[in-house]
PDB file of N, CA and C in Angstrom:
ATOM      1  N   MET A   1      22.996  20.493 -18.253  1.00  0.00           N
ATOM      2  CA  MET A   1      21.557  20.701 -18.229  1.00  0.00           C
ATOM      3  C   MET A   1      20.941  19.704 -17.255  1.00  0.00           C
ATOM      4  N   ALA A   2      20.093  20.182 -16.399  1.00  0.00           N
ATOM      5  CA  ALA A   2      19.447  19.316 -15.411  1.00  0.00           C
ATOM      6  C   ALA A   2      18.402  18.433 -16.085  1.00  0.00           C
ATOM      7  N   THR A   3      18.277  17.224 -15.582  1.00  0.00           N
ATOM      8  CA  THR A   3      17.309  16.302 -16.160  1.00  0.00           C
ATOM      9  C   THR A   3      15.997  16.260 -15.375  1.00  0.00           C
ATOM     10  N   LEU A   4      15.956  16.906 -14.205  1.00  0.00           N
ATOM     11  CA  LEU A   4      14.733  16.918 -13.420  1.00  0.00           C
ATOM     12  C   LEU A   4      13.737  17.910 -13.996  1.00  0.00           C
ATOM     13  N   PRO A   5      12.456  17.606 -13.938  1.00  0.00           N
ATOM     14  CA  PRO A   5      11.455  18.575 -14.376  1.00  0.00           C
ATOM     15  C   PRO A   5      11.560  19.844 -13.533  1.00  0.00           C
ATOM     16  N   LEU A   6      11.172  20.956 -14.097  1.00  0.00           N
ATOM     17  CA  LEU A   6      11.289  22.247 -13.442  1.00  0.00           C
ATOM     18  C   LEU A   6      10.567  22.260 -12.103  1.00  0.00           C
ATOM     19  N   ALA A   7       9.413  21.617 -12.012  1.00  0.00           N
ATOM     20  CA  ALA A   7       8.649  21.614 -10.762  1.00  0.00           C
ATOM     21  C   ALA A   7       9.425  20.931  -9.639  1.00  0.00           C
ATOM     22  N   LEU A   8      10.196  19.900  -9.970  1.00  0.00           N
ATOM     23  CA  LEU A   8      10.960  19.199  -8.940  1.00  0.00           C
ATOM     24  C   LEU A   8      12.233  19.940  -8.567  1.00  0.00           C
ATOM     25  N   GLN A   9      12.785  20.728  -9.474  1.00  0.00           N
ATOM     26  CA  GLN A   9      14.012  21.451  -9.191  1.00  0.00           C
ATOM     27  C   GLN A   9      13.800  22.495  -8.105  1.00  0.00           C
ATOM     28  N   HIS A  10      12.624  23.096  -8.045  1.00  0.00           N
ATOM     29  CA  HIS A  10      12.357  24.150  -7.087  1.00  0.00           C
ATOM     30  C   HIS A  10      11.652  23.637  -5.841  1.00  0.00           C
ATOM     31  N   ASP A  11      11.512  22.354  -5.740  1.00  0.00           N
ATOM     32  CA  ASP A  11      10.860  21.749  -4.586  1.00  0.00           C
ATOM     33  C   ASP A  11      11.790  21.854  -3.379  1.00  0.00           C
ATOM     34  N   ALA A  12      11.242  22.241  -2.256  1.00  0.00           N
ATOM     35  CA  ALA A  12      12.045  22.302  -1.043  1.00  0.00           C
ATOM     36  C   ALA A  12      12.435  20.896  -0.628  1.00  0.00           C
ATOM     37  N   PRO A  13      13.713  20.653  -0.347  1.00  0.00           N
ATOM     38  CA  PRO A  13      14.147  19.299   0.025  1.00  0.00           C
ATOM     39  C   PRO A  13      13.402  18.750   1.242  1.00  0.00           C
ATOM     40  N   ALA A  14      12.998  19.607   2.157  1.00  0.00           N
ATOM     41  CA  ALA A  14      12.312  19.132   3.355  1.00  0.00           C
ATOM     42  C   ALA A  14      10.936  18.553   3.032  1.00  0.00           C
ATOM     43  N   SER A  15      10.310  18.976   1.938  1.00  0.00           N
ATOM     44  CA  SER A  15       8.968  18.489   1.628  1.00  0.00           C
ATOM     45  C   SER A  15       8.991  17.164   0.873  1.00  0.00           C
ATOM     46  N   GLN A  16      10.134  16.768   0.353  1.00  0.00           N
ATOM     47  CA  GLN A  16      10.186  15.534  -0.426  1.00  0.00           C
ATOM     48  C   GLN A  16       9.834  14.291   0.389  1.00  0.00           C
ATOM     49  N   PRO A  17      10.323  14.109   1.610  1.00  0.00           N
ATOM     50  CA  PRO A  17       9.879  12.927   2.380  1.00  0.00           C
ATOM     51  C   PRO A  17       8.380  12.922   2.625  1.00  0.00           C
ATOM     52  N   LEU A  18       7.806  14.093   2.902  1.00  0.00           N
ATOM     53  CA  LEU A  18       6.369  14.174   3.123  1.00  0.00           C
ATOM     54  C   LEU A  18       5.604  13.811   1.855  1.00  0.00           C
ATOM     55  N   ARG A  19       6.028  14.323   0.721  1.00  0.00           N
ATOM     56  CA  ARG A  19       5.357  14.027  -0.545  1.00  0.00           C
ATOM     57  C   ARG A  19       5.466  12.548  -0.898  1.00  0.00           C
ATOM     58  N   MET A  20       6.642  11.948  -0.666  1.00  0.00           N
ATOM     59  CA  MET A  20       6.801  10.526  -0.953  1.00  0.00           C
ATOM     60  C   MET A  20       5.929   9.698  -0.022  1.00  0.00           C
ATOM     61  N   GLY A  21       5.848  10.089   1.240  1.00  0.00           N
ATOM     62  CA  GLY A  21       4.995   9.382   2.194  1.00  0.00           C
ATOM     63  C   GLY A  21       3.543   9.423   1.783  1.00  0.00           C
ATOM     64  N   ILE A  22       3.066  10.583   1.362  1.00  0.00           N
ATOM     65  CA  ILE A  22       1.676  10.713   0.928  1.00  0.00           C
ATOM     66  C   ILE A  22       1.421   9.885  -0.326  1.00  0.00           C
ATOM     67  N   ALA A  23       2.333   9.942  -1.283  1.00  0.00           N
ATOM     68  CA  ALA A  23       2.156   9.187  -2.532  1.00  0.00           C
ATOM     69  C   ALA A  23       2.116   7.690  -2.272  1.00  0.00           C
ATOM     70  N   PHE A  24       2.999   7.191  -1.417  1.00  0.00           N
ATOM     71  CA  PHE A  24       3.035   5.754  -1.143  1.00  0.00           C
ATOM     72  C   PHE A  24       1.818   5.329  -0.327  1.00  0.00           C
ATOM     73  N   ALA A  25       1.409   6.149   0.630  1.00  0.00           N
ATOM     74  CA  ALA A  25       0.221   5.826   1.428  1.00  0.00           C
ATOM     75  C   ALA A  25      -1.017   5.753   0.535  1.00  0.00           C
ATOM     76  N   ALA A  26      -1.143   6.688  -0.391  1.00  0.00           N
ATOM     77  CA  ALA A  26      -2.286   6.670  -1.310  1.00  0.00           C
ATOM     78  C   ALA A  26      -2.241   5.440  -2.215  1.00  0.00           C
ATOM     79  N   THR A  27      -1.050   5.069  -2.651  1.00  0.00           N
ATOM     80  CA  THR A  27      -0.891   3.890  -3.501  1.00  0.00           C
ATOM     81  C   THR A  27      -1.288   2.622  -2.752  1.00  0.00           C
ATOM     82  N   VAL A  28      -0.820   2.468  -1.527  1.00  0.00           N
ATOM     83  CA  VAL A  28      -1.159   1.292  -0.727  1.00  0.00           C
ATOM     84  C   VAL A  28      -2.666   1.251  -0.465  1.00  0.00           C
ATOM     85  N   ALA A  29      -3.260   2.396  -0.143  1.00  0.00           N
ATOM     86  CA  ALA A  29      -4.700   2.439   0.121  1.00  0.00           C
ATOM     87  C   ALA A  29      -5.491   2.039  -1.127  1.00  0.00           C
ATOM     88  N   LEU A  30      -5.082   2.530  -2.283  1.00  0.00           N
ATOM     89  CA  LEU A  30      -5.772   2.187  -3.528  1.00  0.00           C
ATOM     90  C   LEU A  30      -5.678   0.696  -3.820  1.00  0.00           C
ATOM     91  N   PHE A  31      -4.476   0.131  -3.726  1.00  0.00           N
ATOM     92  CA  PHE A  31      -4.310  -1.279  -4.049  1.00  0.00           C
ATOM     93  C   PHE A  31      -4.942  -2.197  -3.005  1.00  0.00           C
ATOM     94  N   TYR A  32      -4.987  -1.773  -1.748  1.00  0.00           N
ATOM     95  CA  TYR A  32      -5.687  -2.558  -0.733  1.00  0.00           C
ATOM     96  C   TYR A  32      -7.189  -2.568  -1.038  1.00  0.00           C
ATOM     97  N   THR A  33      -7.709  -1.425  -1.464  1.00  0.00           N
ATOM     98  CA  THR A  33      -9.123  -1.337  -1.830  1.00  0.00           C
ATOM     99  C   THR A  33      -9.424  -2.208  -3.045  1.00  0.00           C
ATOM    100  N   LEU A  34      -8.559  -2.163  -4.052  1.00  0.00           N
ATOM    101  CA  LEU A  34      -8.749  -3.010  -5.229  1.00  0.00           C
ATOM    102  C   LEU A  34      -8.712  -4.490  -4.852  1.00  0.00           C
ATOM    103  N   CYS A  35      -7.819  -4.856  -3.964  1.00  0.00           N
ATOM    104  CA  CYS A  35      -7.719  -6.242  -3.499  1.00  0.00           C
ATOM    105  C   CYS A  35      -9.026  -6.659  -2.820  1.00  0.00           C
ATOM    106  N   MET A  36      -9.590  -5.772  -1.997  1.00  0.00           N
ATOM    107  CA  MET A  36     -10.850  -6.074  -1.320  1.00  0.00           C
ATOM    108  C   MET A  36     -11.983  -6.239  -2.323  1.00  0.00           C
ATOM    109  N   VAL A  37     -12.006  -5.407  -3.353  1.00  0.00           N
ATOM    110  CA  VAL A  37     -13.056  -5.498  -4.369  1.00  0.00           C
ATOM    111  C   VAL A  37     -12.972  -6.835  -5.107  1.00  0.00           C
ATOM    112  N   VAL A  38     -11.772  -7.251  -5.448  1.00  0.00           N
ATOM    113  CA  VAL A  38     -11.595  -8.537  -6.136  1.00  0.00           C
ATOM    114  C   VAL A  38     -12.017  -9.676  -5.214  1.00  0.00           C
ATOM    115  N   TRP A  39     -11.657  -9.605  -3.944  1.00  0.00           N
ATOM    116  CA  TRP A  39     -12.046 -10.636  -2.982  1.00  0.00           C
ATOM    117  C   TRP A  39     -13.563 -10.732  -2.875  1.00  0.00           C
ATOM    118  N   LEU A  40     -14.245  -9.585  -2.799  1.00  0.00           N
ATOM    119  CA  LEU A  40     -15.706  -9.605  -2.698  1.00  0.00           C
ATOM    120  C   LEU A  40     -16.356 -10.105  -3.981  1.00  0.00           C
ATOM    121  N   ALA A  41     -15.774  -9.771  -5.127  1.00  0.00           N
ATOM    122  CA  ALA A  41     -16.364 -10.150  -6.413  1.00  0.00           C
ATOM    123  C   ALA A  41     -16.168 -11.630  -6.724  1.00  0.00           C
ATOM    124  N   ALA A  42     -15.015 -12.176  -6.359  1.00  0.00           N
ATOM    125  CA  ALA A  42     -14.711 -13.569  -6.726  1.00  0.00           C
ATOM    126  C   ALA A  42     -13.848 -14.218  -5.652  1.00  0.00           C
ATOM    127  N   PRO A  43     -14.433 -14.582  -4.521  1.00  0.00           N
ATOM    128  CA  PRO A  43     -13.622 -15.135  -3.429  1.00  0.00           C
ATOM    129  C   PRO A  43     -12.939 -16.457  -3.778  1.00  0.00           C
ATOM    130  N   GLY A  44     -13.592 -17.328  -4.547  1.00  0.00           N
ATOM    131  CA  GLY A  44     -12.979 -18.617  -4.904  1.00  0.00           C
ATOM    132  C   GLY A  44     -11.728 -18.455  -5.757  1.00  0.00           C
ATOM    133  N   PRO A  45     -11.832 -17.778  -6.907  1.00  0.00           N
ATOM    134  CA  PRO A  45     -10.635 -17.568  -7.719  1.00  0.00           C
ATOM    135  C   PRO A  45      -9.560 -16.755  -6.992  1.00  0.00           C
ATOM    136  N   PHE A  46      -9.981 -15.809  -6.155  1.00  0.00           N
ATOM    137  CA  PHE A  46      -9.005 -15.021  -5.394  1.00  0.00           C
ATOM    138  C   PHE A  46      -8.217 -15.918  -4.455  1.00  0.00           C
ATOM    139  N   MET A  47      -8.922 -16.834  -3.770  1.00  0.00           N
ATOM    140  CA  MET A  47      -8.233 -17.741  -2.844  1.00  0.00           C
ATOM    141  C   MET A  47      -7.301 -18.671  -3.606  1.00  0.00           C
ATOM    142  N   SER A  48      -7.711 -19.148  -4.763  1.00  0.00           N
ATOM    143  CA  SER A  48      -6.834 -19.989  -5.595  1.00  0.00           C
ATOM    144  C   SER A  48      -5.587 -19.225  -6.005  1.00  0.00           C
ATOM    145  N   PHE A  49      -5.770 -17.948  -6.385  1.00  0.00           N
ATOM    146  CA  PHE A  49      -4.620 -17.117  -6.746  1.00  0.00           C
ATOM    147  C   PHE A  49      -3.684 -16.942  -5.560  1.00  0.00           C
ATOM    148  N   MET A  50      -4.241 -16.667  -4.382  1.00  0.00           N
ATOM    149  CA  MET A  50      -3.399 -16.479  -3.192  1.00  0.00           C
ATOM    150  C   MET A  50      -2.636 -17.759  -2.849  1.00  0.00           C
ATOM    151  N   ASN A  51      -3.295 -18.897  -2.962  1.00  0.00           N
ATOM    152  CA  ASN A  51      -2.610 -20.168  -2.720  1.00  0.00           C
ATOM    153  C   ASN A  51      -1.464 -20.354  -3.700  1.00  0.00           C
ATOM    154  N   SER A  52      -1.669 -20.022  -4.965  1.00  0.00           N
ATOM    155  CA  SER A  52      -0.607 -20.143  -5.970  1.00  0.00           C
ATOM    156  C   SER A  52       0.498 -19.132  -5.725  1.00  0.00           C
ATOM    157  N   LEU A  53       0.110 -17.923  -5.330  1.00  0.00           N
ATOM    158  CA  LEU A  53       1.088 -16.859  -5.095  1.00  0.00           C
ATOM    159  C   LEU A  53       2.071 -17.256  -3.992  1.00  0.00           C
ATOM    160  N   PHE A  54       1.584 -17.970  -2.999  1.00  0.00           N
ATOM    161  CA  PHE A  54       2.439 -18.389  -1.883  1.00  0.00           C
ATOM    162  C   PHE A  54       2.881 -19.841  -2.052  1.00  0.00           C
ATOM    163  N   HIS A  55       3.227 -20.212  -3.265  1.00  0.00           N
ATOM    164  CA  HIS A  55       3.839 -21.501  -3.601  1.00  0.00           C
ATOM    165  C   HIS A  55       3.033 -22.701  -3.129  1.00  0.00           C
ATOM    166  N   GLY A  56       1.726 -22.618  -3.292  1.00  0.00           N
ATOM    167  CA  GLY A  56       0.878 -23.760  -3.006  1.00  0.00           C
ATOM    168  C   GLY A  56       0.422 -23.884  -1.568  1.00  0.00           C
ATOM    169  N   MET A  57       0.785 -22.929  -0.703  1.00  0.00           N
ATOM    170  CA  MET A  57       0.261 -22.988   0.663  1.00  0.00           C
ATOM    171  C   MET A  57      -1.257 -22.890   0.595  1.00  0.00           C
ATOM    172  N   ASP A  58      -1.945 -23.639   1.427  1.00  0.00           N
ATOM    173  CA  ASP A  58      -3.398 -23.659   1.400  1.00  0.00           C
ATOM    174  C   ASP A  58      -3.943 -22.768   2.515  1.00  0.00           C
ATOM    175  N   PHE A  59      -4.536 -21.645   2.124  1.00  0.00           N
ATOM    176  CA  PHE A  59      -5.102 -20.709   3.094  1.00  0.00           C
ATOM    177  C   PHE A  59      -6.566 -20.978   3.402  1.00  0.00           C
ATOM    178  N   THR A  60      -7.171 -21.932   2.733  1.00  0.00           N
ATOM    179  CA  THR A  60      -8.598 -22.167   2.942  1.00  0.00           C
ATOM    180  C   THR A  60      -8.957 -22.569   4.378  1.00  0.00           C
ATOM    181  N   PRO A  61      -8.095 -23.297   5.123  1.00  0.00           N
ATOM    182  CA  PRO A  61      -8.471 -23.582   6.517  1.00  0.00           C
ATOM    183  C   PRO A  61      -8.576 -22.327   7.390  1.00  0.00           C
ATOM    184  N   LEU A  62      -7.988 -21.223   6.943  1.00  0.00           N
ATOM    185  CA  LEU A  62      -8.051 -19.993   7.727  1.00  0.00           C
ATOM    186  C   LEU A  62      -9.376 -19.254   7.550  1.00  0.00           C
ATOM    187  N   LEU A  63     -10.146 -19.661   6.548  1.00  0.00           N
ATOM    188  CA  LEU A  63     -11.410 -18.989   6.280  1.00  0.00           C
ATOM    189  C   LEU A  63     -12.459 -19.375   7.315  1.00  0.00           C
ATOM    190  N   LYS A  64     -13.129 -18.368   7.821  1.00  0.00           N
ATOM    191  CA  LYS A  64     -14.258 -18.585   8.713  1.00  0.00           C
ATOM    192  C   LYS A  64     -15.449 -17.883   8.082  1.00  0.00           C
ATOM    193  N   PRO A  65     -16.607 -18.484   8.105  1.00  0.00           N
ATOM    194  CA  PRO A  65     -17.764 -17.793   7.560  1.00  0.00           C
ATOM    195  C   PRO A  65     -18.041 -16.519   8.365  1.00  0.00           C
ATOM    196  N   ALA A  66     -17.873 -15.404   7.735  1.00  0.00           N
ATOM    197  CA  ALA A  66     -18.119 -14.125   8.398  1.00  0.00           C
ATOM    198  C   ALA A  66     -18.578 -13.123   7.355  1.00  0.00           C
ATOM    199  N   ARG A  67     -19.411 -12.216   7.777  1.00  0.00           N
ATOM    200  CA  ARG A  67     -19.874 -11.174   6.872  1.00  0.00           C
ATOM    201  C   ARG A  67     -18.782 -10.140   6.694  1.00  0.00           C
ATOM    202  N   PHE A  68     -18.814  -9.484   5.560  1.00  0.00           N
ATOM    203  CA  PHE A  68     -17.876  -8.399   5.308  1.00  0.00           C
ATOM    204  C   PHE A  68     -18.130  -7.281   6.300  1.00  0.00           C
ATOM    205  N   SER A  69     -17.073  -6.714   6.832  1.00  0.00           N
ATOM    206  CA  SER A  69     -17.185  -5.650   7.820  1.00  0.00           C
ATOM    207  C   SER A  69     -16.508  -4.382   7.293  1.00  0.00           C
ATOM    208  N   TRP A  70     -17.296  -3.339   7.108  1.00  0.00           N
ATOM    209  CA  TRP A  70     -16.714  -2.070   6.669  1.00  0.00           C
ATOM    210  C   TRP A  70     -15.769  -1.522   7.728  1.00  0.00           C
ATOM    211  N   GLY A  71     -16.099  -1.723   8.997  1.00  0.00           N
ATOM    212  CA  GLY A  71     -15.231  -1.247  10.080  1.00  0.00           C
ATOM    213  C   GLY A  71     -13.865  -1.914  10.032  1.00  0.00           C
ATOM    214  N   GLY A  72     -13.868  -3.227   9.806  1.00  0.00           N
ATOM    215  CA  GLY A  72     -12.602  -3.951   9.695  1.00  0.00           C
ATOM    216  C   GLY A  72     -11.805  -3.503   8.487  1.00  0.00           C
ATOM    217  N   PHE A  73     -12.506  -3.282   7.372  1.00  0.00           N
ATOM    218  CA  PHE A  73     -11.822  -2.812   6.165  1.00  0.00           C
ATOM    219  C   PHE A  73     -11.202  -1.446   6.391  1.00  0.00           C
ATOM    220  N   VAL A  74     -11.981  -0.516   6.944  1.00  0.00           N
ATOM    221  CA  VAL A  74     -11.479   0.851   7.137  1.00  0.00           C
ATOM    222  C   VAL A  74     -10.328   0.877   8.137  1.00  0.00           C
ATOM    223  N   SER A  75     -10.430   0.124   9.224  1.00  0.00           N
ATOM    224  CA  SER A  75      -9.336   0.138  10.211  1.00  0.00           C
ATOM    225  C   SER A  75      -8.058  -0.445   9.610  1.00  0.00           C
ATOM    226  N   ALA A  76      -8.162  -1.522   8.847  1.00  0.00           N
ATOM    227  CA  ALA A  76      -6.980  -2.079   8.190  1.00  0.00           C
ATOM    228  C   ALA A  76      -6.426  -1.112   7.151  1.00  0.00           C
ATOM    229  N   LEU A  77      -7.300  -0.444   6.420  1.00  0.00           N
ATOM    230  CA  LEU A  77      -6.879   0.538   5.425  1.00  0.00           C
ATOM    231  C   LEU A  77      -6.104   1.679   6.081  1.00  0.00           C
ATOM    232  N   VAL A  78      -6.601   2.185   7.195  1.00  0.00           N
ATOM    233  CA  VAL A  78      -5.934   3.285   7.900  1.00  0.00           C
ATOM    234  C   VAL A  78      -4.576   2.840   8.423  1.00  0.00           C
ATOM    235  N   VAL A  79      -4.509   1.662   9.028  1.00  0.00           N
ATOM    236  CA  VAL A  79      -3.234   1.167   9.557  1.00  0.00           C
ATOM    237  C   VAL A  79      -2.220   0.963   8.438  1.00  0.00           C
ATOM    238  N   MET A  80      -2.645   0.356   7.337  1.00  0.00           N
ATOM    239  CA  MET A  80      -1.715   0.115   6.227  1.00  0.00           C
ATOM    240  C   MET A  80      -1.259   1.420   5.582  1.00  0.00           C
ATOM    241  N   ALA A  81      -2.173   2.381   5.420  1.00  0.00           N
ATOM    242  CA  ALA A  81      -1.801   3.665   4.833  1.00  0.00           C
ATOM    243  C   ALA A  81      -0.859   4.437   5.756  1.00  0.00           C
ATOM    244  N   ALA A  82      -1.113   4.397   7.054  1.00  0.00           N
ATOM    245  CA  ALA A  82      -0.218   5.078   7.997  1.00  0.00           C
ATOM    246  C   ALA A  82       1.164   4.440   7.978  1.00  0.00           C
ATOM    247  N   TRP A  83       1.213   3.111   7.974  1.00  0.00           N
ATOM    248  CA  TRP A  83       2.507   2.430   7.909  1.00  0.00           C
ATOM    249  C   TRP A  83       3.240   2.806   6.624  1.00  0.00           C
ATOM    250  N   ALA A  84       2.534   2.816   5.510  1.00  0.00           N
ATOM    251  CA  ALA A  84       3.148   3.166   4.230  1.00  0.00           C
ATOM    252  C   ALA A  84       3.656   4.599   4.254  1.00  0.00           C
ATOM    253  N   PHE A  85       2.873   5.515   4.829  1.00  0.00           N
ATOM    254  CA  PHE A  85       3.297   6.908   4.912  1.00  0.00           C
ATOM    255  C   PHE A  85       4.601   7.036   5.696  1.00  0.00           C
ATOM    256  N   PHE A  86       4.655   6.441   6.876  1.00  0.00           N
ATOM    257  CA  PHE A  86       5.854   6.559   7.701  1.00  0.00           C
ATOM    258  C   PHE A  86       7.052   5.844   7.080  1.00  0.00           C
ATOM    259  N   ALA A  87       6.820   4.688   6.487  1.00  0.00           N
ATOM    260  CA  ALA A  87       7.925   3.955   5.860  1.00  0.00           C
ATOM    261  C   ALA A  87       8.497   4.741   4.684  1.00  0.00           C
ATOM    262  N   ALA A  88       7.642   5.281   3.821  1.00  0.00           N
ATOM    263  CA  ALA A  88       8.129   6.023   2.655  1.00  0.00           C
ATOM    264  C   ALA A  88       8.740   7.355   3.060  1.00  0.00           C
ATOM    265  N   SER A  89       8.175   8.019   4.062  1.00  0.00           N
ATOM    266  CA  SER A  89       8.751   9.279   4.534  1.00  0.00           C
ATOM    267  C   SER A  89      10.137   9.049   5.118  1.00  0.00           C
ATOM    268  N   PHE A  90      10.272   7.990   5.903  1.00  0.00           N
ATOM    269  CA  PHE A  90      11.589   7.666   6.460  1.00  0.00           C
ATOM    270  C   PHE A  90      12.573   7.315   5.357  1.00  0.00           C
ATOM    271  N   PHE A  91      12.126   6.527   4.379  1.00  0.00           N
ATOM    272  CA  PHE A  91      12.985   6.163   3.262  1.00  0.00           C
ATOM    273  C   PHE A  91      13.484   7.413   2.533  1.00  0.00           C
ATOM    274  N   ALA A  92      12.571   8.340   2.223  1.00  0.00           N
ATOM    275  CA  ALA A  92      12.957   9.562   1.506  1.00  0.00           C
ATOM    276  C   ALA A  92      13.897  10.418   2.352  1.00  0.00           C
ATOM    277  N   TRP A  93      13.615  10.525   3.653  1.00  0.00           N
ATOM    278  CA  TRP A  93      14.477  11.290   4.543  1.00  0.00           C
ATOM    279  C   TRP A  93      15.878  10.675   4.592  1.00  0.00           C
ATOM    280  N   LEU A  94      15.945   9.346   4.755  1.00  0.00           N
ATOM    281  CA  LEU A  94      17.226   8.664   4.831  1.00  0.00           C
ATOM    282  C   LEU A  94      17.976   8.762   3.507  1.00  0.00           C
ATOM    283  N   ARG A  95      17.271   8.645   2.417  1.00  0.00           N
ATOM    284  CA  ARG A  95      17.883   8.767   1.095  1.00  0.00           C
ATOM    285  C   ARG A  95      18.520  10.130   0.906  1.00  0.00           C
ATOM    286  N   GLN A  96      17.845  11.191   1.386  1.00  0.00           N
ATOM    287  CA  GLN A  96      18.414  12.542   1.315  1.00  0.00           C
ATOM    288  C   GLN A  96      19.687  12.640   2.143  1.00  0.00           C
ATOM    289  N   ARG A  97      19.665  12.043   3.318  1.00  0.00           N
ATOM    290  CA  ARG A  97      20.829  12.130   4.218  1.00  0.00           C
ATOM    291  C   ARG A  97      22.032  11.369   3.687  1.00  0.00           C
ATOM    292  N   LEU A  98      21.761  10.273   2.977  1.00  0.00           N
ATOM    293  CA  LEU A  98      22.853   9.455   2.450  1.00  0.00           C
ATOM    294  C   LEU A  98      23.395   9.981   1.126  1.00  0.00           C
ATOM    295  N   GLY A  99      22.719  10.959   0.572  1.00  0.00           N
ATOM    296  CA  GLY A  99      23.217  11.587  -0.650  1.00  0.00           C
ATOM    297  C   GLY A  99      22.629  10.984  -1.852  1.00  0.00           C
TER     298      GLY A  99
END
């Protein structure tokens, strides 16, 4: 008896890399947006968390007083989502080829 759900059993193998790419790109876009929201809501605690996350490296000297830019956010979001799409699509394609 197959353990895959019926919807996945009839999925064309060629569409799986595309579907994985879309799912990962959407995930990266969502989490990048959430990260931006947290940064805007609480920049001090966010910076403290980032410093702790990177084993005490101090990122505060990198901060420059600048206004939030929607253009910068959207361009970074598009680049990260595109990278995620291509990386996940390639991963799924390669995984299929390797068995």
